[in-house]
Protein backbone atom coordinates (compact mmCIF):
# COMPACT_ATOMS: atom_id res chain seq x y z
CA MET A 1 0.00 0.01 0.00
CA SER A 2 1.34 3.46 -0.91
CA ARG A 3 1.93 5.82 2.02
CA ARG A 4 1.30 9.54 2.24
CA VAL A 5 2.40 11.57 5.17
CA LEU A 6 -0.30 13.95 6.40
CA ILE A 7 -0.25 16.26 9.39
CA LEU A 8 -2.87 14.43 11.42
CA THR A 9 -2.53 12.90 14.85
CA THR A 10 -4.64 10.55 16.82
CA ALA A 11 -5.86 13.38 19.01
CA ALA A 12 -6.95 15.33 15.93
CA CYS A 13 -9.13 12.40 14.95
CA PHE A 14 -10.67 12.46 18.41
CA ALA A 15 -11.31 16.18 18.14
CA ALA A 16 -13.34 15.61 15.00
CA ILE A 17 -15.97 13.81 17.05
CA GLY A 18 -16.10 15.94 20.18
CA THR A 19 -14.98 15.79 23.79
CA ALA A 20 -15.23 12.66 25.88
CA THR A 21 -17.55 12.39 28.85
CA MET A 22 -16.00 13.12 32.23
CA ALA A 23 -17.17 11.64 35.54
CA GLY A 24 -18.40 14.67 37.45
CA ASP A 25 -16.44 17.85 37.87
CA VAL A 26 -12.71 17.14 37.76
CA THR A 27 -12.07 20.20 39.92
CA GLU A 28 -14.07 18.88 42.91
CA ALA A 29 -11.18 16.83 44.34
CA GLU A 30 -7.48 17.59 44.64
CA PRO A 31 -5.67 15.98 41.69
CA ILE A 32 -3.33 13.15 42.46
CA ASP A 33 0.19 13.33 41.01
CA HIS A 34 1.04 9.92 39.54
CA LYS A 35 4.42 8.56 38.49
CA ILE A 36 4.84 6.69 35.23
CA VAL A 37 6.23 3.54 36.81
CA THR A 38 5.49 3.01 40.52
CA ARG A 39 5.97 0.03 42.80
CA VAL A 40 2.76 -0.20 44.82
CA ASP A 41 1.64 -2.08 47.90
CA ALA A 42 -1.47 -3.81 46.59
CA GLY A 43 -2.03 -5.87 43.48
CA PRO A 44 -4.72 -5.17 40.83
CA ALA A 45 -8.19 -4.74 42.33
CA ALA A 46 -10.06 -6.82 39.79
CA THR A 47 -13.86 -6.39 39.99
CA ALA A 48 -15.14 -8.63 37.19
CA LEU A 49 -12.63 -11.49 37.00
CA GLU A 50 -10.98 -13.84 39.53
CA PRO A 51 -7.14 -13.77 39.63
CA ILE A 52 -5.88 -17.36 39.60
CA ALA A 53 -2.41 -18.45 40.67
CA LEU A 54 -1.12 -21.23 38.48
CA THR A 55 0.48 -24.36 39.95
CA PRO A 56 4.17 -24.40 38.92
CA ARG A 57 4.91 -26.88 36.12
CA GLU A 58 7.82 -29.28 36.49
CA GLY A 59 10.40 -28.42 33.84
CA GLY A 60 8.38 -25.42 32.71
CA PHE A 61 7.46 -21.83 33.41
CA ASN A 62 3.88 -20.62 33.74
CA GLN A 63 2.39 -17.44 35.06
CA ASN A 64 -0.92 -15.65 35.12
CA VAL A 65 -0.60 -11.85 34.93
CA VAL A 66 -3.56 -9.70 35.98
CA THR A 67 -4.31 -6.03 35.32
CA ALA A 68 -6.86 -3.50 36.40
CA GLY A 69 -7.00 -0.16 34.61
CA GLU A 70 -8.78 3.01 35.72
CA ARG A 71 -9.22 6.52 34.44
CA ILE A 72 -7.29 9.60 35.51
CA PHE A 73 -9.61 12.57 35.08
CA ALA A 74 -7.94 15.76 33.79
CA LEU A 75 -9.20 18.88 32.07
CA ASP A 76 -8.55 18.83 28.31
CA ASN A 77 -7.08 15.31 28.37
CA THR A 78 -9.36 12.31 28.07
CA MET A 79 -6.54 9.83 27.58
CA LEU A 80 -4.82 9.78 30.98
CA LYS A 81 -5.11 6.36 32.65
CA LEU A 82 -3.44 4.14 35.21
CA VAL A 83 -3.09 0.34 35.19
CA THR A 84 -1.97 -1.88 38.08
CA VAL A 85 -0.29 -5.15 37.03
CA GLN A 86 1.17 -8.13 38.82
CA PRO A 87 1.83 -11.85 38.28
CA VAL A 88 -0.56 -13.81 40.48
CA GLY A 89 1.09 -15.57 43.40
CA VAL A 90 4.68 -15.14 42.18
CA GLU A 91 7.08 -14.50 45.07
CA GLY A 92 9.41 -11.54 44.66
CA TYR A 93 7.41 -9.85 41.87
CA SER A 94 5.89 -6.58 43.07
CA PRO A 95 2.69 -5.02 41.81
CA TRP A 96 3.34 -1.99 39.62
CA ALA A 97 1.23 0.98 38.58
CA LEU A 98 1.89 2.29 35.07
CA GLY A 99 0.68 5.67 33.88
CA SER A 100 -0.27 6.20 30.25
CA ASP A 101 -1.14 9.07 27.91
CA GLU A 102 -1.54 9.78 24.21
CA GLY A 103 -0.03 12.69 22.36
CA GLY A 104 -1.84 15.08 20.04
CA ALA A 105 -1.79 18.11 17.79
CA ASP A 106 -1.61 20.48 20.76
CA HIS A 107 -0.53 18.06 23.46
CA GLU A 108 2.83 16.41 24.06
CA GLN A 109 2.30 13.09 25.79
CA THR A 110 3.20 13.00 29.49
CA ALA A 111 3.60 9.21 29.71
CA PRO A 112 4.12 6.30 27.30
CA ASN A 113 1.01 5.45 25.22
CA PRO A 114 -0.50 1.94 25.44
CA LEU A 115 1.05 0.61 22.26
CA SER A 116 4.49 1.71 23.43
CA TYR A 117 4.02 -0.46 26.55
CA LEU A 118 2.77 -3.31 24.37
CA SER A 119 5.69 -3.02 21.91
CA ALA A 120 8.18 -2.70 24.78
CA GLY A 121 6.82 -5.97 26.17
CA ILE A 122 7.05 -7.72 22.79
CA ALA A 123 10.64 -6.69 22.35
CA ALA A 124 11.78 -7.34 25.93
CA ASN A 125 10.16 -10.75 25.96
CA LEU A 126 12.13 -11.72 22.85
CA TYR A 127 15.31 -10.46 24.44
CA THR A 128 14.63 -12.67 27.48
CA SER A 129 14.14 -15.72 25.24
CA LEU A 130 17.37 -14.84 23.36
CA GLN A 131 19.31 -14.54 26.61
CA GLN A 132 17.96 -17.91 27.78
CA ALA A 133 18.93 -19.51 24.48
CA VAL A 134 22.50 -18.17 24.74
CA GLU A 135 22.78 -19.79 28.21
CA VAL A 136 21.26 -23.09 27.08
CA MET A 137 23.64 -23.33 24.06
CA GLY A 138 26.66 -22.11 26.01
CA LEU A 139 27.67 -19.60 23.35
CA ALA A 140 30.18 -16.81 23.62
CA VAL A 141 28.33 -13.59 22.69
CA ASP A 142 30.08 -10.23 23.11
CA ASP A 143 26.97 -8.11 22.74
CA MET A 144 23.38 -8.48 21.63
CA LYS A 145 20.18 -6.51 21.29
CA VAL A 146 16.72 -6.82 19.83
CA GLU A 147 15.19 -4.31 17.41
CA VAL A 148 11.44 -4.30 16.90
CA LYS A 149 8.95 -2.40 14.80
CA VAL A 150 5.23 -3.00 15.19
CA ASP A 151 2.88 -1.72 12.45
CA PHE A 152 -0.69 -0.85 13.44
CA SER A 153 -3.64 0.46 11.45
CA TRP A 154 -7.21 1.63 11.70
CA GLN A 155 -9.16 0.50 8.67
CA ALA A 156 -12.22 2.48 7.56
CA PRO A 157 -12.01 4.97 10.43
CA PHE A 158 -15.38 6.33 11.54
CA ALA A 159 -17.22 4.12 9.07
CA PRO A 160 -19.53 1.31 10.26
CA GLU A 161 -16.80 -1.28 9.63
CA TRP A 162 -14.11 0.70 11.51
CA ALA A 163 -11.60 -1.67 13.13
CA GLY A 164 -8.07 -1.69 14.56
CA PHE A 165 -5.35 -4.11 13.46
CA THR A 166 -1.82 -5.12 14.31
CA ASP A 167 -0.49 -5.64 10.80
CA LEU A 168 3.13 -6.71 11.21
CA VAL A 169 5.79 -7.30 13.83
CA THR A 170 9.37 -7.05 12.60
CA ALA A 171 11.73 -8.40 15.29
CA ASN A 172 15.42 -8.57 14.48
CA ILE A 173 18.19 -10.07 16.57
CA VAL A 174 21.55 -8.22 16.46
CA ILE A 175 24.64 -9.99 17.80
CA GLU A 176 28.38 -9.43 18.09
CA SER A 177 30.04 -12.84 18.29
CA ASN A 178 32.74 -15.02 16.79
CA GLU A 179 30.66 -18.20 17.02
CA ALA A 180 30.03 -20.16 13.83
CA PRO A 181 27.12 -18.79 11.77
CA VAL A 182 25.33 -22.16 11.90
CA LYS A 183 25.33 -22.05 15.69
CA LEU A 184 24.00 -18.51 15.69
CA ALA A 185 21.24 -19.44 13.23
CA GLU A 186 20.25 -22.19 15.65
CA LEU A 187 20.35 -19.61 18.45
CA LYS A 188 17.85 -17.52 16.54
CA ARG A 189 15.56 -20.51 16.02
CA LEU A 190 15.66 -21.44 19.70
CA ALA A 191 15.01 -17.84 20.79
CA LEU A 192 11.95 -17.58 18.54
CA GLU A 193 10.63 -20.94 19.75
CA GLY A 194 10.81 -19.81 23.36
CA TRP A 195 9.39 -16.34 22.66
CA ILE A 196 6.10 -16.37 24.56
CA ALA A 197 4.82 -13.13 23.06
CA GLY A 198 5.71 -14.18 19.53
CA GLU A 199 3.76 -17.42 19.78
CA GLY A 200 0.74 -15.59 21.15
CA LEU A 201 0.85 -13.01 18.40
CA ALA A 202 1.37 -15.47 15.54
CA ASN A 203 -1.48 -17.73 16.60
CA ALA A 204 -5.10 -16.95 17.44
CA THR A 205 -5.33 -16.94 21.25
CA PRO A 206 -8.60 -17.93 22.96
CA VAL A 207 -10.24 -14.94 24.67
CA ASP A 208 -13.03 -14.96 27.26
CA VAL A 209 -14.47 -11.44 27.15
CA SER A 210 -17.57 -9.96 28.74
CA LEU A 211 -19.23 -6.68 29.75
CA ALA A 212 -19.95 -5.78 33.41
CA VAL A 213 -22.36 -2.90 34.08
CA ASN A 214 -22.92 -0.87 37.26
CA GLY A 215 -21.32 -3.09 39.84
CA THR A 216 -21.10 -2.29 43.56
CA HIS A 217 -17.44 -1.19 43.53
CA TRP A 218 -17.68 2.29 42.04
CA ASP A 219 -17.71 4.12 45.37
CA THR A 220 -14.24 2.81 46.19
CA LEU A 221 -12.78 1.85 42.80
CA SER A 222 -13.52 4.69 40.43
CA GLY A 223 -11.47 7.11 38.39
CA ALA A 224 -10.15 10.22 40.16
CA PRO A 225 -8.71 13.59 39.17
CA GLY A 226 -4.99 13.45 38.57
CA LEU A 227 -1.95 14.27 36.47
CA ILE A 228 1.29 12.68 35.43
CA PRO A 229 3.60 15.69 35.85
CA ASP A 230 7.04 14.14 35.78
CA PRO A 231 8.48 11.89 33.06
CA VAL A 232 11.12 10.52 35.45
CA SER A 233 10.29 7.59 37.77
CA VAL A 234 12.87 6.33 40.25
CA ASP A 235 12.68 3.21 42.43
CA ASN A 236 15.46 2.19 44.80
CA GLY A 237 17.97 4.31 42.89
CA LEU A 238 17.05 2.98 39.44
CA THR A 239 15.49 5.38 36.95
CA LEU A 240 12.62 3.35 35.55
CA SER A 241 11.26 5.91 33.13
CA GLN A 242 12.53 8.99 31.33
CA LYS A 243 12.01 10.72 28.01
CA THR A 244 14.46 10.06 25.18
CA GLY A 245 14.53 10.46 21.41
CA THR A 246 13.67 7.94 18.70
CA PRO A 247 15.53 4.68 19.34
CA GLU A 248 18.50 4.11 17.07
CA LEU A 249 17.75 1.07 14.87
CA GLY A 250 20.50 -0.33 12.69
CA THR A 251 18.43 -2.99 10.90
CA ILE A 252 14.92 -1.49 10.58
CA ASP A 253 13.74 1.76 9.02
CA PRO A 254 11.55 3.44 11.69
CA GLY A 255 9.65 5.36 9.04
CA LEU A 256 8.08 8.78 9.27
CA ASP A 257 5.83 10.07 11.98
CA PHE A 258 2.17 9.06 11.64
CA GLY A 259 1.68 7.90 8.06
CA MET A 260 -1.70 7.33 6.44
CA GLY A 261 -1.95 5.12 3.38
CA GLY A 262 -4.50 4.68 0.69
CA PRO A 263 -7.18 6.95 -0.75
CA MET A 264 -9.82 8.89 1.17
CA ALA A 265 -12.88 6.85 1.97
CA LEU A 266 -15.66 7.37 -0.56
CA GLY A 267 -17.85 10.33 0.31
CA THR A 268 -15.84 11.37 3.37
CA ASP A 269 -12.92 13.58 4.27
CA MET A 270 -11.34 10.74 6.28
CA PRO A 271 -8.64 8.39 4.95
CA ALA A 272 -9.53 4.79 4.15
CA SER A 273 -6.84 3.77 6.63
CA ILE A 274 -4.65 5.29 9.28
CA GLU A 275 -1.25 3.62 9.67
CA PHE A 276 1.43 4.14 12.30
CA SER A 277 4.24 2.23 13.97
CA VAL A 278 6.04 1.80 17.27
CA VAL A 279 9.76 1.01 17.40
CA ALA A 280 11.76 -0.42 20.25
CA VAL A 281 15.33 -1.47 21.06
CA VAL A 282 16.21 -3.71 23.97
CA ASP A 283 19.62 -4.56 25.46
CA SER A 284 20.99 -5.70 28.77
CA ALA A 285 21.09 -3.38 31.78
CA ASN A 286 24.26 -5.27 32.85
CA ASP A 287 23.03 -5.70 36.44
CA SER A 288 24.96 -8.38 38.32
CA GLU A 289 22.15 -8.78 40.88
CA ARG A 290 19.36 -9.20 38.31
CA PRO A 291 20.89 -10.80 35.17
CA TYR A 292 17.67 -10.45 33.20
CA LEU A 293 17.20 -6.75 33.84
CA GLN A 294 16.80 -5.04 30.48
CA ARG A 295 16.88 -1.50 29.15
CA ILE A 296 14.11 -0.64 26.69
CA GLN A 297 14.00 2.35 24.39
CA VAL A 298 10.64 2.79 22.67
CA ARG A 299 8.72 5.37 20.71
CA ALA A 300 5.39 5.61 18.88
CA MET A 301 6.19 7.23 15.55
CA GLN A 302 3.59 9.99 15.84
CA ASP A 303 3.65 13.73 16.15
CA ASN A 304 4.05 14.90 19.78
CA TYR A 305 4.83 11.36 20.96
CA SER A 306 8.07 11.09 22.94
CA GLY A 307 10.67 8.40 23.02
CA TRP A 308 10.87 6.63 26.38
CA GLU A 309 13.49 4.64 28.26
CA LEU A 310 11.99 1.92 30.46
CA TYR A 311 13.31 -1.16 32.25
CA ALA A 312 12.05 -4.75 32.42
CA ASP A 313 13.12 -7.40 34.93
CA ASP A 314 12.69 -11.03 33.83
CA SER A 315 15.06 -12.51 36.41
CA PHE A 316 12.46 -15.08 37.35
CA ALA A 317 14.90 -17.65 38.75
CA THR A 318 16.81 -15.07 40.82
CA GLU A 319 16.04 -14.64 44.50
CA GLY A 320 15.15 -11.19 45.76
CA LEU A 321 12.74 -8.41 44.79
CA SER A 322 12.24 -7.47 41.16
CA LYS A 323 13.69 -4.13 40.11
CA ALA A 324 11.18 -3.35 37.38
CA PRO A 325 7.98 -4.72 35.79
CA SER A 326 8.52 -7.88 33.76
CA SER A 327 8.19 -8.09 29.95
CA LEU A 328 4.93 -9.98 30.54
CA ASP A 329 3.72 -7.18 32.78
CA TYR A 330 4.25 -4.69 29.97
CA LEU A 331 2.51 -7.00 27.44
CA THR A 332 -0.56 -7.39 29.60
CA ALA A 333 -0.68 -3.74 30.80
CA GLY A 334 -0.30 -2.48 27.23
CA THR A 335 -3.29 -4.51 26.12
CA THR A 336 -5.44 -3.18 28.98
CA LEU A 337 -4.41 0.41 28.33
CA CYS A 338 -5.06 0.05 24.59
CA LEU A 339 -8.59 -1.20 25.28
CA MET A 340 -9.13 1.74 27.63
CA SER A 341 -8.12 4.22 24.90
CA GLN A 342 -10.82 2.74 22.68
CA MET A 343 -13.31 2.83 25.55
CA ALA A 344 -12.61 6.58 25.80
CA ILE A 345 -13.15 7.16 22.05
CA THR A 346 -16.27 5.09 21.60
CA PRO A 347 -18.70 7.25 23.66
CA MET A 348 -17.81 10.19 21.42
CA VAL A 349 -18.62 8.18 18.32
CA LEU A 350 -21.85 6.67 19.64
CA LYS A 351 -22.84 9.84 21.60
CA LEU A 352 -23.22 7.97 24.86
CA ASP A 353 -22.87 9.06 28.47
CA ILE A 354 -20.32 6.73 30.09
CA PRO A 355 -19.28 8.52 33.31
CA ASP A 356 -16.61 5.96 34.23
CA PHE A 357 -15.11 2.72 33.02
CA ARG A 358 -12.42 0.20 33.76
CA ALA A 359 -10.69 -2.59 31.86
CA GLU A 360 -9.32 -5.80 33.40
CA HIS A 361 -7.28 -8.66 31.94
CA GLN A 362 -5.80 -11.97 32.98
CA PHE A 363 -3.24 -13.50 30.61
CA SER A 364 -2.05 -17.10 30.98
CA TYR A 365 1.56 -17.44 29.86
CA ARG A 366 3.57 -20.66 29.59
CA GLN A 367 6.99 -21.90 28.49
CA ASP A 368 7.51 -25.68 28.19
CA GLY A 369 11.05 -27.10 28.25
CA TYR A 370 12.17 -24.08 30.27
CA MET A 371 15.93 -23.49 29.90
CA THR A 372 16.34 -26.47 27.50
CA ALA A 373 16.88 -26.90 23.79
CA GLY A 374 13.24 -28.00 23.49
CA VAL A 375 11.75 -24.76 24.80
CA GLN A 376 8.39 -23.60 23.49
CA GLY A 377 6.47 -20.51 24.48
CA PHE A 378 2.66 -20.18 24.64
CA VAL A 379 -0.11 -17.76 25.50
CA ASP A 380 -2.78 -20.22 26.61
CA GLY A 381 -5.67 -17.83 27.05
CA ILE A 382 -6.88 -14.35 27.91
CA GLU A 383 -9.71 -13.10 30.08
CA ALA A 384 -10.91 -9.57 29.30
CA ARG A 385 -13.55 -7.50 31.06
CA ILE A 386 -15.02 -4.16 30.08
CA VAL A 387 -16.48 -2.60 33.22
CA VAL A 388 -18.75 0.47 32.93
CA SER A 389 -20.79 2.82 35.08
CA SER A 390 -23.65 4.17 32.99
CA ASP A 391 -27.43 4.55 32.88
CA GLU A 392 -27.48 4.07 29.11
CA PRO A 393 -29.80 1.28 27.79
CA MET A 394 -28.19 -2.15 27.59
CA GLU A 395 -28.46 -2.21 23.82
CA ALA A 396 -26.44 0.98 23.62
CA LEU A 397 -23.88 -0.40 26.06
CA GLN A 398 -23.58 -3.57 24.00
CA ASN A 399 -22.78 -1.44 20.96
CA TYR A 400 -20.22 0.45 23.02
CA TYR A 401 -18.70 -2.85 24.17
CA GLY A 402 -18.51 -4.22 20.64
CA LEU A 403 -16.99 -1.13 19.05
CA SER A 404 -14.41 -0.74 21.86
CA LEU A 405 -13.22 -4.31 21.30
CA ARG A 406 -13.17 -3.90 17.51
CA LEU A 407 -11.07 -0.77 17.61
CA CYS A 408 -8.44 -2.26 19.97
CA PHE A 409 -5.18 -2.85 18.05
CA ALA A 410 -3.73 -4.91 20.90
CA GLY A 411 -6.80 -7.12 21.22
CA GLU A 412 -6.68 -7.95 17.52
CA ALA A 413 -2.99 -8.76 17.84
CA TRP A 414 -3.88 -11.63 20.16
CA THR A 415 -7.12 -12.84 18.56
CA GLY A 416 -5.78 -12.68 15.00
CA GLU A 417 -2.71 -14.30 13.46
CA THR A 418 -0.21 -11.48 13.31
CA GLU A 419 2.51 -11.68 10.68
CA ILE A 420 6.03 -11.80 12.19
CA LEU A 421 9.28 -11.19 10.30
CA SER A 422 12.61 -11.85 12.00
CA HIS A 423 16.20 -11.61 10.81
CA LEU A 424 19.58 -12.27 12.41
CA PHE A 425 22.44 -9.85 12.06
CA VAL A 426 25.89 -10.93 13.19
CA ASN A 427 28.85 -8.49 13.33
CA GLY A 428 26.93 -6.09 11.10
CA ALA A 429 26.00 -8.66 8.40
CA LEU A 430 22.65 -10.27 7.64
CA ILE A 431 23.01 -14.00 8.33
CA ASP A 432 19.45 -15.37 8.39
């Protein structure tokens, strides 16, 4: 598909259909200042699903990760939100709260957007599988990183068939090593086999999804006024978030900011599709205490969207407290936050009054043959809940529910069969 670069951002699309509904007067309460990445005391307060701790598998790795997302109410910004995420019943892995924001024509984002969190998780999870494969094979690797580009699109925006898609994941492995090329090609194969996120993206994952309306929790678990004023988050001396530029990719063209391809839709002034990408680079944080602590650089290639440096800690077999959210935390949280973005847009489109809403997920992750040459990663299933507070008729809420799900890029990534391309670069040369 041909691509034309137009000066249009996601927020400009939102502006075309009005201002989202707020819950009450956002000036009534003192706003809460949230950090972007915060270790918190309590895990996700799920209201519509039951968190389940998995029984450890002999010779394998399995983990359920649960999220609960809520709104942050702010004047002139409908896209602020907060998600709490934690593996269920996993010792040493703290619950984390992640703040999220979108950018726009007149608004520079104050926190990573949902698809940046999702793409960060995709890339970091591959890096973890690559690091495991290097250990299993006993290879001498001087340096390595993972470069990822995830292509998303809205097809037929604002038309009845409007839907969001994850079109392509390009995930390249970049290595400095004097090992034989045949061994490094096997390393790539093993890393891709163990890549939990990759398996879940490439294959249709079963999803149990439902709508919950007007539960009893809203007095204590509702959105609240707040801001995310500081891009820097620090925990125990480690800077877990800060703004950066566009990641430097040596093997992937990041493209231009916010491209839209194809002709305008017939009879409208909207494009037939809106296309954009997120790019990420992951390498080791070189932490002797947490060997699977990774540094992530990620950016959504859109106007007024910042680059971000984040950290992921996948040191599952290491005793002690995690230093950062895991790659699976970012995957799950990014999906929840993406759904919440669509839940904010949909009332504008359908002209509904939805004073408050939440999204909740439980992902079941698995790796058989853990730390062996027979490793295989899986996403066994997903539970998703759309939780709303509204007096709208049930038929209208069912339409809201359906459109929110259909617009969610991340949801489609898991329910569809996303195309994945991966190449291996060794000492600057393409090997496989």
